[in-house]
Amino acid sequence: MKTKGFELQVKDLSEEGIFEGYGSVFSVRDSYNESVEPGAFVASLAKHRREGTMPLMLWQHDPWTPIGVWEELAEDGKGLWVKGRLLSGVQKSDEVRIMLKNKAIRGLSIGYREVDTKPAENGGPRKLVEVDLLEVSIVSFPANRRANVETVKSERMDEFARRLRDGDPMPIKDFEDILREAGVPKSMAVAIASHGYAKAIRSDSEGEKTNDQALRFLQMLKAD
C-alpha cells in the first residue's frame, strides 16, 4: 500500500464529530513528483458502493487505530471530497476531535494501491490515473508539504504581522515555530527568534526598526 497526503481543509466540525474536506487534490505535483489525475478514484468508489463498503478512517495510517467512519466520498472538480464522523468514546478519536477543533492537525492522507499510471514526461510529474482506495487517514504531516507551508504563510504569518503592527507581538517561541514551519532550518530559526526578534519586542527604541526587518523577512518567505 502507498500513501499520499494533502492539506486538511475542514469546513466545520460538529459536536457529533462530523467533518468534511479533501482527501486528495487533482493535478497537484507533490513531494514525490507525482500528481493524482481526475477520475483516479471513480472505479474504486464504484466498487465500494457495489460491495457496500467504505475506505477505513485511520489515524496516521495505523491499521490498529481506526478513529471513525467515512460516510460519503465523491470526486468533484477539485479532488476527492470526503465526509466522515469521528467515533465518540474512542480514546484516540476524542483526542483527534480536540486537535481538529484547535487546528493542531492539518493533514489528510490516502492509502491506496496503484492500478494505472503514466510516466513523467518533459519534466512533469508521474501521473496516477487510477488507484484502488483502501483508507483515508488523518495525519500530522501530509506528503504535500507545499500546501501545508502555504497555509502557514497565509494565516500565521499574517497574524504575526498584524500583531506586530498592533503592538501585541507573538511570544518568541511562536515566532520560531512559524519560521520552522516555513522551512527555515532549526538553528537559524532559533537564532533569528532569540536575538533579532527578542530584541525587537524588548526595546521600544530599536524595536520599530527590527520589527520592520522581521516583516520584510516574512514577506520574502510568503513570496517563495
N, C-alpha and C. Protein backbone atom coordinates (compact mmCIF):
# COMPACT_ATOMS: atom_id res chain seq x y z
N MET A 1 0.84 -1.19 0.00
CA MET A 1 0.00 0.00 0.00
C MET A 1 0.87 1.24 0.00
N LYS A 2 0.52 2.22 -0.83
CA LYS A 2 1.20 3.51 -0.85
C LYS A 2 0.31 4.55 -0.19
N THR A 3 0.93 5.66 0.19
CA THR A 3 0.18 6.73 0.82
C THR A 3 0.49 8.06 0.13
N LYS A 4 -0.44 8.98 0.23
CA LYS A 4 -0.25 10.30 -0.34
C LYS A 4 -1.10 11.28 0.44
N GLY A 5 -0.49 12.38 0.89
CA GLY A 5 -1.19 13.28 1.78
C GLY A 5 -1.42 14.65 1.20
N PHE A 6 -2.41 15.33 1.77
CA PHE A 6 -2.76 16.68 1.36
C PHE A 6 -3.18 17.48 2.58
N GLU A 7 -3.19 18.78 2.41
CA GLU A 7 -3.65 19.65 3.48
C GLU A 7 -5.10 19.34 3.81
N LEU A 8 -5.40 19.23 5.09
CA LEU A 8 -6.77 19.02 5.54
C LEU A 8 -7.47 20.36 5.68
N GLN A 9 -8.50 20.54 4.88
CA GLN A 9 -9.25 21.79 4.91
C GLN A 9 -10.65 21.49 5.45
N VAL A 10 -10.75 21.45 6.76
CA VAL A 10 -12.01 21.12 7.40
C VAL A 10 -12.94 22.33 7.36
N LYS A 11 -14.11 22.16 6.77
CA LYS A 11 -15.07 23.26 6.70
C LYS A 11 -15.75 23.48 8.04
N ASP A 12 -16.01 22.39 8.73
CA ASP A 12 -16.69 22.51 10.01
C ASP A 12 -16.53 21.20 10.76
N LEU A 13 -16.57 21.26 12.06
CA LEU A 13 -16.53 20.07 12.90
C LEU A 13 -17.66 20.19 13.89
N SER A 14 -18.70 19.36 13.70
CA SER A 14 -19.89 19.47 14.54
C SER A 14 -19.64 18.84 15.90
N GLU A 15 -20.58 19.05 16.80
CA GLU A 15 -20.48 18.45 18.13
C GLU A 15 -20.53 16.93 18.04
N GLU A 16 -21.11 16.40 16.97
CA GLU A 16 -21.18 14.95 16.77
C GLU A 16 -19.92 14.40 16.13
N GLY A 17 -18.94 15.28 15.88
CA GLY A 17 -17.69 14.82 15.28
C GLY A 17 -17.74 14.67 13.78
N ILE A 18 -18.71 15.27 13.13
CA ILE A 18 -18.83 15.18 11.67
C ILE A 18 -18.04 16.31 11.02
N PHE A 19 -17.27 15.98 10.01
CA PHE A 19 -16.47 16.99 9.31
C PHE A 19 -16.33 16.58 7.85
N GLU A 20 -15.89 17.52 7.03
CA GLU A 20 -15.66 17.24 5.62
C GLU A 20 -14.43 17.98 5.14
N GLY A 21 -13.86 17.51 4.05
CA GLY A 21 -12.67 18.13 3.49
C GLY A 21 -12.26 17.39 2.24
N TYR A 22 -10.99 17.50 1.87
CA TYR A 22 -10.48 16.84 0.67
C TYR A 22 -9.35 15.88 1.03
N GLY A 23 -9.54 14.62 0.65
CA GLY A 23 -8.52 13.62 0.88
C GLY A 23 -7.45 13.63 -0.19
N SER A 24 -7.76 14.23 -1.33
CA SER A 24 -6.80 14.33 -2.42
C SER A 24 -7.21 15.48 -3.32
N VAL A 25 -6.23 16.14 -3.90
CA VAL A 25 -6.47 17.26 -4.81
C VAL A 25 -5.86 16.91 -6.16
N PHE A 26 -6.62 17.11 -7.22
CA PHE A 26 -6.18 16.71 -8.55
C PHE A 26 -5.11 17.63 -9.13
N SER A 27 -4.25 17.02 -9.93
CA SER A 27 -3.27 17.72 -10.78
C SER A 27 -2.33 18.62 -9.99
N VAL A 28 -2.01 18.24 -8.75
CA VAL A 28 -1.05 18.98 -7.94
C VAL A 28 0.22 18.14 -7.80
N ARG A 29 1.34 18.68 -8.24
CA ARG A 29 2.60 17.95 -8.09
C ARG A 29 3.00 17.93 -6.61
N ASP A 30 3.23 16.72 -6.07
CA ASP A 30 3.57 16.63 -4.66
C ASP A 30 5.06 16.39 -4.47
N SER A 31 5.45 16.13 -3.22
CA SER A 31 6.87 15.97 -2.91
C SER A 31 7.47 14.70 -3.49
N TYR A 32 6.63 13.79 -3.97
CA TYR A 32 7.12 12.58 -4.63
C TYR A 32 7.20 12.76 -6.15
N ASN A 33 6.97 14.00 -6.63
CA ASN A 33 6.91 14.29 -8.05
C ASN A 33 5.83 13.45 -8.74
N GLU A 34 4.68 13.38 -8.10
CA GLU A 34 3.52 12.68 -8.64
C GLU A 34 2.31 13.60 -8.56
N SER A 35 1.31 13.31 -9.39
CA SER A 35 0.04 14.02 -9.30
C SER A 35 -1.10 13.03 -9.51
N VAL A 36 -2.20 13.27 -8.82
CA VAL A 36 -3.40 12.44 -8.97
C VAL A 36 -4.27 13.05 -10.05
N GLU A 37 -4.67 12.23 -11.02
CA GLU A 37 -5.45 12.73 -12.15
C GLU A 37 -6.96 12.65 -11.87
N PRO A 38 -7.74 13.57 -12.43
CA PRO A 38 -9.20 13.47 -12.31
C PRO A 38 -9.67 12.11 -12.82
N GLY A 39 -10.59 11.51 -12.08
CA GLY A 39 -11.10 10.19 -12.45
C GLY A 39 -10.35 9.04 -11.80
N ALA A 40 -9.30 9.35 -11.05
CA ALA A 40 -8.47 8.29 -10.47
C ALA A 40 -9.24 7.42 -9.47
N PHE A 41 -10.27 7.97 -8.84
CA PHE A 41 -10.98 7.24 -7.80
C PHE A 41 -12.32 6.66 -8.26
N VAL A 42 -12.74 6.95 -9.48
CA VAL A 42 -14.08 6.58 -9.93
C VAL A 42 -14.34 5.09 -9.81
N ALA A 43 -13.45 4.27 -10.35
CA ALA A 43 -13.66 2.82 -10.34
C ALA A 43 -13.64 2.26 -8.91
N SER A 44 -12.73 2.77 -8.09
CA SER A 44 -12.63 2.27 -6.72
C SER A 44 -13.86 2.63 -5.90
N LEU A 45 -14.36 3.87 -6.04
CA LEU A 45 -15.56 4.27 -5.32
C LEU A 45 -16.77 3.46 -5.78
N ALA A 46 -16.85 3.18 -7.08
CA ALA A 46 -17.94 2.36 -7.60
C ALA A 46 -17.88 0.95 -7.01
N LYS A 47 -16.68 0.41 -6.88
CA LYS A 47 -16.52 -0.92 -6.28
C LYS A 47 -16.96 -0.93 -4.83
N HIS A 48 -16.60 0.10 -4.09
CA HIS A 48 -17.04 0.19 -2.69
C HIS A 48 -18.56 0.23 -2.60
N ARG A 49 -19.19 0.99 -3.50
CA ARG A 49 -20.66 1.07 -3.49
C ARG A 49 -21.28 -0.29 -3.78
N ARG A 50 -20.75 -0.99 -4.77
CA ARG A 50 -21.29 -2.31 -5.11
C ARG A 50 -21.17 -3.29 -3.95
N GLU A 51 -20.07 -3.21 -3.22
CA GLU A 51 -19.81 -4.16 -2.15
C GLU A 51 -20.31 -3.69 -0.79
N GLY A 52 -20.88 -2.47 -0.75
CA GLY A 52 -21.40 -1.94 0.50
C GLY A 52 -20.34 -1.64 1.53
N THR A 53 -19.16 -1.22 1.05
CA THR A 53 -18.05 -0.93 1.95
C THR A 53 -17.65 0.55 1.84
N MET A 54 -16.74 0.95 2.68
CA MET A 54 -16.15 2.27 2.64
C MET A 54 -14.67 2.14 2.98
N PRO A 55 -13.82 3.01 2.42
CA PRO A 55 -12.43 3.04 2.89
C PRO A 55 -12.40 3.30 4.39
N LEU A 56 -11.39 2.80 5.07
CA LEU A 56 -11.27 2.98 6.51
C LEU A 56 -10.87 4.42 6.84
N MET A 57 -11.27 4.88 8.02
CA MET A 57 -10.74 6.13 8.56
C MET A 57 -9.76 5.76 9.67
N LEU A 58 -8.48 6.01 9.42
CA LEU A 58 -7.43 5.63 10.36
C LEU A 58 -6.70 6.86 10.90
N TRP A 59 -5.96 6.63 11.95
CA TRP A 59 -5.05 7.64 12.50
C TRP A 59 -3.64 7.29 12.06
N GLN A 60 -3.01 8.18 11.28
CA GLN A 60 -1.62 8.03 10.85
C GLN A 60 -1.36 6.73 10.09
N HIS A 61 -2.37 6.26 9.33
CA HIS A 61 -2.24 5.03 8.53
C HIS A 61 -2.04 3.78 9.37
N ASP A 62 -2.35 3.85 10.65
CA ASP A 62 -2.18 2.70 11.53
C ASP A 62 -3.42 1.81 11.46
N PRO A 63 -3.30 0.59 10.91
CA PRO A 63 -4.48 -0.27 10.78
C PRO A 63 -5.08 -0.69 12.11
N TRP A 64 -4.32 -0.51 13.19
CA TRP A 64 -4.82 -0.87 14.51
C TRP A 64 -5.48 0.32 15.21
N THR A 65 -5.55 1.45 14.52
CA THR A 65 -6.13 2.63 15.15
C THR A 65 -7.19 3.28 14.27
N PRO A 66 -8.34 2.60 14.07
CA PRO A 66 -9.46 3.27 13.40
C PRO A 66 -10.07 4.30 14.35
N ILE A 67 -10.43 5.46 13.83
CA ILE A 67 -10.94 6.53 14.70
C ILE A 67 -12.33 7.02 14.30
N GLY A 68 -12.86 6.50 13.21
CA GLY A 68 -14.16 6.95 12.76
C GLY A 68 -14.61 6.21 11.53
N VAL A 69 -15.62 6.76 10.88
CA VAL A 69 -16.14 6.15 9.65
C VAL A 69 -16.33 7.24 8.60
N TRP A 70 -16.01 6.92 7.37
CA TRP A 70 -16.30 7.81 6.25
C TRP A 70 -17.72 7.54 5.80
N GLU A 71 -18.54 8.57 5.72
CA GLU A 71 -19.94 8.41 5.37
C GLU A 71 -20.22 8.74 3.91
N GLU A 72 -19.43 9.65 3.35
CA GLU A 72 -19.59 9.99 1.93
C GLU A 72 -18.23 10.28 1.31
N LEU A 73 -18.00 9.78 0.11
CA LEU A 73 -16.81 10.11 -0.67
C LEU A 73 -17.24 10.31 -2.11
N ALA A 74 -16.69 11.32 -2.75
CA ALA A 74 -17.05 11.59 -4.14
C ALA A 74 -15.96 12.42 -4.81
N GLU A 75 -15.83 12.25 -6.10
CA GLU A 75 -14.95 13.12 -6.88
C GLU A 75 -15.73 14.36 -7.30
N ASP A 76 -15.07 15.52 -7.23
CA ASP A 76 -15.63 16.72 -7.83
C ASP A 76 -14.53 17.40 -8.64
N GLY A 77 -14.74 18.63 -9.03
CA GLY A 77 -13.76 19.29 -9.88
C GLY A 77 -12.43 19.56 -9.20
N LYS A 78 -12.41 19.53 -7.89
CA LYS A 78 -11.18 19.81 -7.14
C LYS A 78 -10.40 18.55 -6.78
N GLY A 79 -11.11 17.52 -6.36
CA GLY A 79 -10.41 16.31 -5.95
C GLY A 79 -11.34 15.31 -5.31
N LEU A 80 -10.83 14.56 -4.33
CA LEU A 80 -11.63 13.56 -3.62
C LEU A 80 -12.23 14.22 -2.38
N TRP A 81 -13.53 14.50 -2.45
CA TRP A 81 -14.23 15.10 -1.31
C TRP A 81 -14.66 13.99 -0.36
N VAL A 82 -14.45 14.22 0.93
CA VAL A 82 -14.81 13.21 1.93
C VAL A 82 -15.61 13.85 3.06
N LYS A 83 -16.52 13.07 3.59
CA LYS A 83 -17.29 13.48 4.76
C LYS A 83 -17.27 12.31 5.74
N GLY A 84 -16.86 12.58 6.96
CA GLY A 84 -16.73 11.49 7.92
C GLY A 84 -17.19 11.87 9.30
N ARG A 85 -17.20 10.87 10.17
CA ARG A 85 -17.65 11.07 11.55
C ARG A 85 -16.66 10.39 12.50
N LEU A 86 -16.11 11.17 13.43
CA LEU A 86 -15.26 10.62 14.47
C LEU A 86 -16.13 9.89 15.49
N LEU A 87 -15.66 8.74 15.97
CA LEU A 87 -16.46 7.91 16.87
C LEU A 87 -16.27 8.37 18.31
N SER A 88 -17.32 8.88 18.90
CA SER A 88 -17.29 9.34 20.28
C SER A 88 -17.07 8.16 21.22
N GLY A 89 -16.22 8.36 22.23
CA GLY A 89 -15.95 7.30 23.19
C GLY A 89 -14.71 6.51 22.89
N VAL A 90 -14.19 6.63 21.66
CA VAL A 90 -12.92 6.01 21.32
C VAL A 90 -11.82 6.99 21.71
N GLN A 91 -10.89 6.56 22.55
CA GLN A 91 -9.93 7.50 23.13
C GLN A 91 -9.18 8.31 22.09
N LYS A 92 -8.61 7.66 21.10
CA LYS A 92 -7.84 8.39 20.09
C LYS A 92 -8.76 9.29 19.28
N SER A 93 -9.96 8.84 19.00
CA SER A 93 -10.92 9.66 18.26
C SER A 93 -11.25 10.93 19.02
N ASP A 94 -11.46 10.82 20.34
CA ASP A 94 -11.75 12.00 21.15
C ASP A 94 -10.55 12.96 21.15
N GLU A 95 -9.34 12.41 21.18
CA GLU A 95 -8.14 13.24 21.13
C GLU A 95 -8.05 13.97 19.79
N VAL A 96 -8.33 13.25 18.70
CA VAL A 96 -8.28 13.85 17.37
C VAL A 96 -9.31 14.97 17.23
N ARG A 97 -10.49 14.76 17.81
CA ARG A 97 -11.54 15.79 17.76
C ARG A 97 -11.03 17.09 18.40
N ILE A 98 -10.37 16.98 19.54
CA ILE A 98 -9.82 18.16 20.22
C ILE A 98 -8.76 18.82 19.35
N MET A 99 -7.89 18.02 18.73
CA MET A 99 -6.83 18.58 17.90
C MET A 99 -7.38 19.25 16.66
N LEU A 100 -8.42 18.67 16.07
CA LEU A 100 -9.03 19.30 14.89
C LEU A 100 -9.68 20.63 15.25
N LYS A 101 -10.37 20.66 16.37
CA LYS A 101 -11.04 21.90 16.80
C LYS A 101 -10.04 23.02 17.02
N ASN A 102 -8.85 22.66 17.48
CA ASN A 102 -7.83 23.66 17.76
C ASN A 102 -6.82 23.81 16.63
N LYS A 103 -7.11 23.18 15.49
CA LYS A 103 -6.28 23.28 14.29
C LYS A 103 -4.83 22.83 14.54
N ALA A 104 -4.70 21.84 15.42
CA ALA A 104 -3.38 21.28 15.70
C ALA A 104 -2.98 20.25 14.65
N ILE A 105 -3.93 19.80 13.86
CA ILE A 105 -3.69 18.83 12.79
C ILE A 105 -4.16 19.46 11.49
N ARG A 106 -3.42 19.24 10.41
CA ARG A 106 -3.84 19.83 9.14
C ARG A 106 -3.62 18.89 7.97
N GLY A 107 -3.63 17.55 8.22
CA GLY A 107 -3.35 16.64 7.13
C GLY A 107 -4.37 15.53 6.94
N LEU A 108 -4.68 15.23 5.69
CA LEU A 108 -5.39 14.02 5.30
C LEU A 108 -4.47 13.26 4.35
N SER A 109 -4.48 11.96 4.43
CA SER A 109 -3.60 11.17 3.57
C SER A 109 -4.32 9.90 3.14
N ILE A 110 -4.26 9.59 1.86
CA ILE A 110 -4.93 8.41 1.35
C ILE A 110 -3.97 7.22 1.32
N GLY A 111 -4.51 6.04 1.59
CA GLY A 111 -3.76 4.80 1.43
C GLY A 111 -4.35 4.05 0.24
N TYR A 112 -3.53 3.65 -0.70
CA TYR A 112 -4.06 3.12 -1.96
C TYR A 112 -3.08 2.13 -2.61
N ARG A 113 -3.60 1.41 -3.61
CA ARG A 113 -2.76 0.61 -4.49
C ARG A 113 -2.86 1.20 -5.89
N GLU A 114 -1.76 1.27 -6.58
CA GLU A 114 -1.76 1.78 -7.95
C GLU A 114 -2.39 0.77 -8.89
N VAL A 115 -3.23 1.27 -9.77
CA VAL A 115 -3.85 0.42 -10.79
C VAL A 115 -3.35 0.80 -12.17
N ASP A 116 -3.31 2.11 -12.45
CA ASP A 116 -2.85 2.59 -13.75
C ASP A 116 -2.10 3.91 -13.55
N THR A 117 -0.94 4.02 -14.17
CA THR A 117 -0.13 5.23 -14.04
C THR A 117 0.43 5.63 -15.40
N LYS A 118 0.88 6.88 -15.49
CA LYS A 118 1.59 7.37 -16.67
C LYS A 118 2.94 7.91 -16.24
N PRO A 119 4.01 7.56 -16.94
CA PRO A 119 5.34 8.04 -16.53
C PRO A 119 5.47 9.55 -16.72
N ALA A 120 6.43 10.11 -16.02
CA ALA A 120 6.70 11.54 -16.15
C ALA A 120 7.19 11.86 -17.55
N GLU A 121 6.75 13.00 -18.08
CA GLU A 121 7.15 13.43 -19.42
C GLU A 121 7.52 14.90 -19.40
N ASN A 122 8.59 15.23 -20.10
CA ASN A 122 9.01 16.62 -20.28
C ASN A 122 9.13 17.38 -18.95
N GLY A 123 9.68 16.70 -17.96
CA GLY A 123 9.87 17.35 -16.68
C GLY A 123 8.65 17.41 -15.80
N GLY A 124 7.53 16.86 -16.27
CA GLY A 124 6.31 16.88 -15.49
C GLY A 124 6.28 15.75 -14.47
N PRO A 125 5.23 15.70 -13.65
CA PRO A 125 5.14 14.67 -12.62
C PRO A 125 4.67 13.33 -13.18
N ARG A 126 4.96 12.28 -12.48
CA ARG A 126 4.38 10.96 -12.76
C ARG A 126 2.90 11.03 -12.40
N LYS A 127 2.02 10.49 -13.24
CA LYS A 127 0.58 10.66 -13.05
C LYS A 127 -0.08 9.37 -12.58
N LEU A 128 -0.90 9.51 -11.54
CA LEU A 128 -1.71 8.39 -11.05
C LEU A 128 -3.07 8.49 -11.74
N VAL A 129 -3.31 7.57 -12.67
CA VAL A 129 -4.53 7.61 -13.48
C VAL A 129 -5.68 6.88 -12.80
N GLU A 130 -5.36 5.77 -12.11
CA GLU A 130 -6.39 5.02 -11.38
C GLU A 130 -5.76 4.39 -10.15
N VAL A 131 -6.45 4.50 -9.03
CA VAL A 131 -5.96 3.89 -7.79
C VAL A 131 -7.10 3.14 -7.11
N ASP A 132 -6.71 2.13 -6.34
CA ASP A 132 -7.65 1.38 -5.51
C ASP A 132 -7.57 1.98 -4.11
N LEU A 133 -8.60 2.71 -3.71
CA LEU A 133 -8.59 3.44 -2.45
C LEU A 133 -8.91 2.51 -1.29
N LEU A 134 -7.97 2.38 -0.34
CA LEU A 134 -8.13 1.47 0.79
C LEU A 134 -8.52 2.20 2.08
N GLU A 135 -7.93 3.37 2.30
CA GLU A 135 -8.23 4.11 3.53
C GLU A 135 -7.87 5.57 3.35
N VAL A 136 -8.45 6.41 4.20
CA VAL A 136 -8.12 7.82 4.27
C VAL A 136 -7.83 8.14 5.73
N SER A 137 -6.60 8.57 6.00
CA SER A 137 -6.15 8.81 7.37
C SER A 137 -6.09 10.29 7.69
N ILE A 138 -6.31 10.61 8.96
CA ILE A 138 -5.96 11.92 9.48
C ILE A 138 -4.52 11.83 9.96
N VAL A 139 -3.67 12.74 9.49
CA VAL A 139 -2.24 12.64 9.79
C VAL A 139 -1.68 13.99 10.22
N SER A 140 -0.52 13.93 10.86
CA SER A 140 0.15 15.15 11.30
C SER A 140 0.90 15.83 10.16
N PHE A 141 1.55 15.02 9.30
CA PHE A 141 2.40 15.56 8.26
C PHE A 141 1.99 15.00 6.90
N PRO A 142 1.17 15.73 6.13
CA PRO A 142 0.82 15.26 4.80
C PRO A 142 2.02 15.30 3.86
N ALA A 143 2.00 14.43 2.84
CA ALA A 143 3.13 14.36 1.90
C ALA A 143 3.26 15.64 1.09
N ASN A 144 2.13 16.30 0.83
CA ASN A 144 2.17 17.53 0.05
C ASN A 144 2.54 18.69 0.97
N ARG A 145 3.83 18.80 1.29
CA ARG A 145 4.30 19.81 2.22
C ARG A 145 4.10 21.22 1.69
N ARG A 146 4.09 21.39 0.37
CA ARG A 146 3.90 22.72 -0.21
C ARG A 146 2.58 23.33 0.23
N ALA A 147 1.52 22.54 0.14
CA ALA A 147 0.21 23.04 0.56
C ALA A 147 0.22 23.42 2.03
N ASN A 148 0.89 22.61 2.83
CA ASN A 148 0.94 22.87 4.25
C ASN A 148 1.66 24.18 4.56
N VAL A 149 2.79 24.41 3.91
CA VAL A 149 3.55 25.65 4.13
C VAL A 149 2.75 26.86 3.68
N GLU A 150 2.02 26.75 2.59
CA GLU A 150 1.23 27.88 2.11
C GLU A 150 0.21 28.29 3.15
N THR A 151 -0.38 27.32 3.85
CA THR A 151 -1.35 27.66 4.87
C THR A 151 -0.69 28.44 5.99
N VAL A 152 0.48 28.00 6.40
CA VAL A 152 1.21 28.71 7.45
C VAL A 152 1.51 30.13 7.02
N LYS A 153 1.97 30.29 5.78
CA LYS A 153 2.32 31.62 5.30
C LYS A 153 1.12 32.54 5.26
N SER A 154 0.00 32.05 4.76
CA SER A 154 -1.14 32.92 4.54
C SER A 154 -1.90 33.24 5.81
N GLU A 155 -1.82 32.39 6.83
CA GLU A 155 -2.59 32.60 8.04
C GLU A 155 -1.71 33.04 9.22
N ARG A 156 -0.76 32.22 9.61
CA ARG A 156 0.03 32.52 10.80
C ARG A 156 0.94 33.72 10.58
N MET A 157 1.50 33.85 9.37
CA MET A 157 2.37 35.00 9.12
C MET A 157 1.57 36.29 9.08
N ASP A 158 0.36 36.22 8.51
CA ASP A 158 -0.48 37.40 8.50
C ASP A 158 -0.86 37.79 9.93
N GLU A 159 -1.15 36.79 10.77
CA GLU A 159 -1.46 37.08 12.17
C GLU A 159 -0.25 37.69 12.87
N PHE A 160 0.94 37.15 12.57
CA PHE A 160 2.16 37.68 13.18
C PHE A 160 2.35 39.15 12.81
N ALA A 161 2.19 39.46 11.52
CA ALA A 161 2.36 40.84 11.05
C ALA A 161 1.33 41.77 11.68
N ARG A 162 0.10 41.29 11.77
CA ARG A 162 -0.96 42.12 12.36
C ARG A 162 -0.65 42.44 13.82
N ARG A 163 -0.20 41.42 14.56
CA ARG A 163 0.08 41.64 15.98
C ARG A 163 1.29 42.57 16.18
N LEU A 164 2.26 42.49 15.28
CA LEU A 164 3.38 43.44 15.36
C LEU A 164 2.88 44.87 15.17
N ARG A 165 2.04 45.05 14.15
CA ARG A 165 1.53 46.39 13.87
C ARG A 165 0.66 46.91 15.02
N ASP A 166 -0.04 46.00 15.70
CA ASP A 166 -0.93 46.40 16.79
C ASP A 166 -0.21 46.54 18.12
N GLY A 167 1.10 46.30 18.12
CA GLY A 167 1.86 46.40 19.36
C GLY A 167 1.65 45.24 20.30
N ASP A 168 1.22 44.10 19.78
CA ASP A 168 0.99 42.90 20.60
C ASP A 168 1.77 41.73 19.98
N PRO A 169 3.10 41.77 20.03
CA PRO A 169 3.90 40.76 19.35
C PRO A 169 3.71 39.36 19.92
N MET A 170 3.83 38.37 19.03
CA MET A 170 3.75 36.98 19.47
C MET A 170 4.93 36.64 20.37
N PRO A 171 4.78 35.62 21.23
CA PRO A 171 5.92 35.14 22.02
C PRO A 171 7.05 34.66 21.10
N ILE A 172 8.26 34.68 21.61
CA ILE A 172 9.43 34.30 20.83
C ILE A 172 9.30 32.88 20.29
N LYS A 173 8.82 31.96 21.12
CA LYS A 173 8.71 30.56 20.69
C LYS A 173 7.74 30.43 19.53
N ASP A 174 6.64 31.18 19.55
CA ASP A 174 5.68 31.12 18.44
C ASP A 174 6.31 31.59 17.14
N PHE A 175 7.11 32.66 17.22
CA PHE A 175 7.78 33.16 16.02
C PHE A 175 8.77 32.12 15.50
N GLU A 176 9.48 31.47 16.40
CA GLU A 176 10.41 30.41 15.99
C GLU A 176 9.66 29.28 15.29
N ASP A 177 8.49 28.91 15.82
CA ASP A 177 7.69 27.84 15.20
C ASP A 177 7.25 28.22 13.80
N ILE A 178 6.85 29.48 13.61
CA ILE A 178 6.43 29.95 12.30
C ILE A 178 7.58 29.81 11.30
N LEU A 179 8.77 30.23 11.71
CA LEU A 179 9.93 30.14 10.83
C LEU A 179 10.23 28.69 10.46
N ARG A 180 10.18 27.80 11.44
CA ARG A 180 10.49 26.40 11.18
C ARG A 180 9.45 25.77 10.27
N GLU A 181 8.17 26.09 10.47
CA GLU A 181 7.11 25.55 9.62
C GLU A 181 7.24 26.07 8.19
N ALA A 182 7.82 27.25 8.03
CA ALA A 182 8.01 27.82 6.70
C ALA A 182 9.26 27.29 6.01
N GLY A 183 10.00 26.39 6.68
CA GLY A 183 11.15 25.76 6.04
C GLY A 183 12.50 26.28 6.47
N VAL A 184 12.54 27.21 7.43
CA VAL A 184 13.81 27.74 7.91
C VAL A 184 14.46 26.68 8.82
N PRO A 185 15.75 26.36 8.61
CA PRO A 185 16.43 25.37 9.47
C PRO A 185 16.32 25.74 10.94
N LYS A 186 16.29 24.72 11.81
CA LYS A 186 16.07 24.94 13.24
C LYS A 186 17.07 25.91 13.85
N SER A 187 18.36 25.71 13.57
CA SER A 187 19.38 26.56 14.19
C SER A 187 19.21 28.03 13.78
N MET A 188 18.87 28.24 12.51
CA MET A 188 18.68 29.61 12.03
C MET A 188 17.41 30.22 12.62
N ALA A 189 16.34 29.42 12.72
CA ALA A 189 15.09 29.92 13.29
C ALA A 189 15.28 30.32 14.74
N VAL A 190 16.03 29.50 15.49
CA VAL A 190 16.30 29.82 16.90
C VAL A 190 17.10 31.11 17.01
N ALA A 191 18.11 31.27 16.14
CA ALA A 191 18.95 32.47 16.19
C ALA A 191 18.15 33.72 15.85
N ILE A 192 17.34 33.64 14.81
CA ILE A 192 16.54 34.80 14.40
C ILE A 192 15.55 35.18 15.50
N ALA A 193 14.87 34.17 16.06
CA ALA A 193 13.83 34.45 17.05
C ALA A 193 14.42 34.92 18.38
N SER A 194 15.52 34.30 18.81
CA SER A 194 16.05 34.59 20.15
C SER A 194 16.95 35.82 20.18
N HIS A 195 17.37 36.32 19.01
CA HIS A 195 18.24 37.50 19.00
C HIS A 195 17.50 38.72 18.42
N GLY A 196 17.35 38.74 17.11
CA GLY A 196 16.74 39.92 16.48
C GLY A 196 15.32 40.18 16.94
N TYR A 197 14.47 39.14 16.90
CA TYR A 197 13.07 39.32 17.27
C TYR A 197 12.93 39.62 18.76
N ALA A 198 13.68 38.86 19.59
CA ALA A 198 13.60 39.09 21.03
C ALA A 198 14.00 40.52 21.37
N LYS A 199 15.05 41.02 20.71
CA LYS A 199 15.50 42.40 20.95
C LYS A 199 14.43 43.40 20.54
N ALA A 200 13.73 43.08 19.44
CA ALA A 200 12.71 44.00 18.94
C ALA A 200 11.56 44.16 19.92
N ILE A 201 11.11 43.06 20.50
CA ILE A 201 9.94 43.15 21.37
C ILE A 201 10.29 43.63 22.78
N ARG A 202 11.61 43.67 23.10
CA ARG A 202 12.03 44.17 24.40
C ARG A 202 12.36 45.66 24.39
N SER A 203 12.77 46.17 23.21
CA SER A 203 13.27 47.53 23.14
C SER A 203 12.37 48.40 22.29
N ASP A 204 11.76 49.40 22.88
CA ASP A 204 10.92 50.32 22.11
C ASP A 204 11.75 51.16 21.15
N SER A 205 12.96 51.56 21.57
CA SER A 205 13.77 52.44 20.74
C SER A 205 14.27 51.75 19.49
N GLU A 206 14.64 50.48 19.61
CA GLU A 206 15.16 49.76 18.46
C GLU A 206 14.14 48.79 17.89
N GLY A 207 13.01 48.66 18.59
CA GLY A 207 12.02 47.67 18.18
C GLY A 207 11.40 47.94 16.83
N GLU A 208 11.10 49.21 16.54
CA GLU A 208 10.43 49.54 15.28
C GLU A 208 11.27 49.12 14.10
N LYS A 209 12.59 49.41 14.15
CA LYS A 209 13.49 49.05 13.06
C LYS A 209 13.54 47.54 12.89
N THR A 210 13.67 46.80 13.99
CA THR A 210 13.78 45.35 13.91
C THR A 210 12.45 44.74 13.51
N ASN A 211 11.34 45.31 13.96
CA ASN A 211 10.03 44.84 13.52
C ASN A 211 9.90 44.94 12.01
N ASP A 212 10.36 46.06 11.46
CA ASP A 212 10.32 46.22 10.01
C ASP A 212 11.15 45.14 9.32
N GLN A 213 12.31 44.83 9.90
CA GLN A 213 13.16 43.79 9.32
C GLN A 213 12.47 42.43 9.38
N ALA A 214 11.80 42.15 10.50
CA ALA A 214 11.09 40.88 10.64
C ALA A 214 9.96 40.78 9.63
N LEU A 215 9.21 41.87 9.45
CA LEU A 215 8.12 41.87 8.48
C LEU A 215 8.63 41.65 7.06
N ARG A 216 9.76 42.30 6.72
CA ARG A 216 10.31 42.11 5.38
C ARG A 216 10.76 40.67 5.18
N PHE A 217 11.33 40.07 6.22
CA PHE A 217 11.77 38.69 6.14
C PHE A 217 10.57 37.76 5.88
N LEU A 218 9.48 37.99 6.60
CA LEU A 218 8.28 37.16 6.40
C LEU A 218 7.68 37.37 5.03
N GLN A 219 7.74 38.58 4.54
CA GLN A 219 7.21 38.85 3.19
C GLN A 219 8.02 38.10 2.14
N MET A 220 9.31 37.98 2.36
CA MET A 220 10.16 37.20 1.45
C MET A 220 9.76 35.74 1.47
N LEU A 221 9.47 35.19 2.65
CA LEU A 221 9.05 33.80 2.75
C LEU A 221 7.71 33.59 2.04
N LYS A 222 6.78 34.53 2.22
CA LYS A 222 5.48 34.40 1.59
C LYS A 222 5.55 34.47 0.08
N ALA A 223 6.57 35.12 -0.44
CA ALA A 223 6.72 35.28 -1.89
C ALA A 223 7.35 34.06 -2.55
N ASP A 224 7.90 33.12 -1.77
CA ASP A 224 8.57 31.93 -2.34
C ASP A 224 7.58 31.07 -3.10
